[in-house]
Amino acid sequence: MSEAEIFEVLRAHIWAAAMMAMPILACTLVVGFTIGLLQALTSIQEVTLTFIPKILAVIIVFFLSLGYMTRICVDLFNNSVLPLISR
């Protein structure tokens, strides 16, 4: 296996990890921004007000995007790992 092939496999795996994390990170960003704006507008500085909604949103988005993440993993395995194994 050449150095270029190793870097190509590494790039594919890092890109897949970023694509799998994107829905959860986007949800956390939106919920965090919304709660932060709400706290700034109402002057409520409660720690659990930011923590609990983010955790609930992440859990919900995780289960909703589980099929998407599984499809990315299966495609990565079929297109990247299996050809390396079959050599």
Protein backbone atom coordinates (compact mmCIF):
# COMPACT_ATOMS: atom_id res chain seq x y z
CA MET A 1 0.00 0.00 0.00
CA SER A 2 1.52 3.29 -1.06
CA GLU A 3 1.60 6.51 0.90
CA ALA A 4 -0.92 8.13 -1.45
CA GLU A 5 -3.41 5.32 -0.86
CA ILE A 6 -3.03 5.65 2.90
CA PHE A 7 -3.70 9.37 2.72
CA GLU A 8 -6.72 8.82 0.46
CA VAL A 9 -8.23 6.31 2.92
CA LEU A 10 -7.50 8.65 5.82
CA ARG A 11 -9.12 11.56 3.97
CA ALA A 12 -12.22 9.47 3.22
CA HIS A 13 -12.56 8.42 6.86
CA ILE A 14 -12.12 11.96 8.20
CA TRP A 15 -14.67 13.26 5.68
CA ALA A 16 -17.13 10.53 6.72
CA ALA A 17 -16.67 11.41 10.40
CA ALA A 18 -17.32 15.08 9.64
CA MET A 19 -20.44 14.24 7.62
CA MET A 20 -21.77 12.03 10.42
CA ALA A 21 -21.18 14.71 13.05
CA MET A 22 -22.71 17.52 11.00
CA PRO A 23 -26.42 17.03 11.92
CA ILE A 24 -25.68 16.90 15.65
CA LEU A 25 -23.30 19.87 15.54
CA ALA A 26 -25.75 21.95 13.49
CA CYS A 27 -28.56 21.16 15.92
CA THR A 28 -26.39 22.08 18.90
CA LEU A 29 -25.41 25.33 17.22
CA VAL A 30 -29.00 26.33 16.52
CA VAL A 31 -30.28 25.37 19.97
CA GLY A 32 -27.35 27.05 21.71
CA PHE A 33 -27.79 30.24 19.71
CA THR A 34 -31.54 30.30 20.37
CA ILE A 35 -31.16 29.71 24.10
CA GLY A 36 -28.34 32.26 24.31
CA LEU A 37 -30.48 34.84 22.54
CA LEU A 38 -33.39 34.05 24.85
CA GLN A 39 -31.13 34.45 27.89
CA ALA A 40 -29.76 37.74 26.61
CA LEU A 41 -33.23 39.11 25.94
CA THR A 42 -34.71 38.06 29.28
CA SER A 43 -31.60 38.41 31.50
CA ILE A 44 -32.11 34.87 32.82
CA GLN A 45 -28.71 33.31 33.52
CA GLU A 46 -29.61 29.76 34.49
CA VAL A 47 -27.00 27.09 33.68
CA THR A 48 -29.49 24.26 33.23
CA LEU A 49 -31.46 26.36 30.77
CA THR A 50 -28.67 25.85 28.22
CA PHE A 51 -27.67 22.32 29.20
CA ILE A 52 -30.98 20.44 29.27
CA PRO A 53 -32.41 21.64 25.90
CA LYS A 54 -29.11 20.93 24.14
CA ILE A 55 -28.92 17.41 25.53
CA LEU A 56 -32.52 16.67 24.58
CA ALA A 57 -32.04 18.12 21.08
CA VAL A 58 -28.85 16.11 20.53
CA ILE A 59 -30.56 12.89 21.62
CA ILE A 60 -33.53 13.53 19.32
CA VAL A 61 -31.36 14.47 16.33
CA PHE A 62 -29.09 11.49 16.96
CA PHE A 63 -31.97 9.04 16.73
CA LEU A 64 -33.48 10.85 13.73
CA SER A 65 -30.19 10.84 11.82
CA LEU A 66 -29.11 7.33 12.78
CA GLY A 67 -30.11 5.93 9.38
CA TYR A 68 -28.11 8.66 7.62
CA MET A 69 -25.04 7.90 9.74
CA THR A 70 -25.40 4.18 9.14
CA ARG A 71 -25.63 4.73 5.38
CA ILE A 72 -22.41 6.78 5.46
CA CYS A 73 -20.62 4.04 7.43
CA VAL A 74 -21.82 1.29 5.09
CA ASP A 75 -20.87 3.29 1.98
CA LEU A 76 -17.45 4.01 3.46
CA PHE A 77 -16.92 0.35 4.26
CA ASN A 78 -18.06 -0.81 0.81
CA ASN A 79 -16.12 1.82 -1.14
CA SER A 80 -12.98 2.22 0.96
CA VAL A 81 -12.33 -0.74 3.24
CA LEU A 82 -13.53 -3.72 1.19
CA PRO A 83 -11.38 -2.89 -1.88
CA LEU A 84 -8.33 -2.75 0.41
CA ILE A 85 -9.19 -6.10 1.98
CA SER A 86 -9.77 -7.81 -1.38
CA ARG A 87 -6.26 -7.03 -2.64
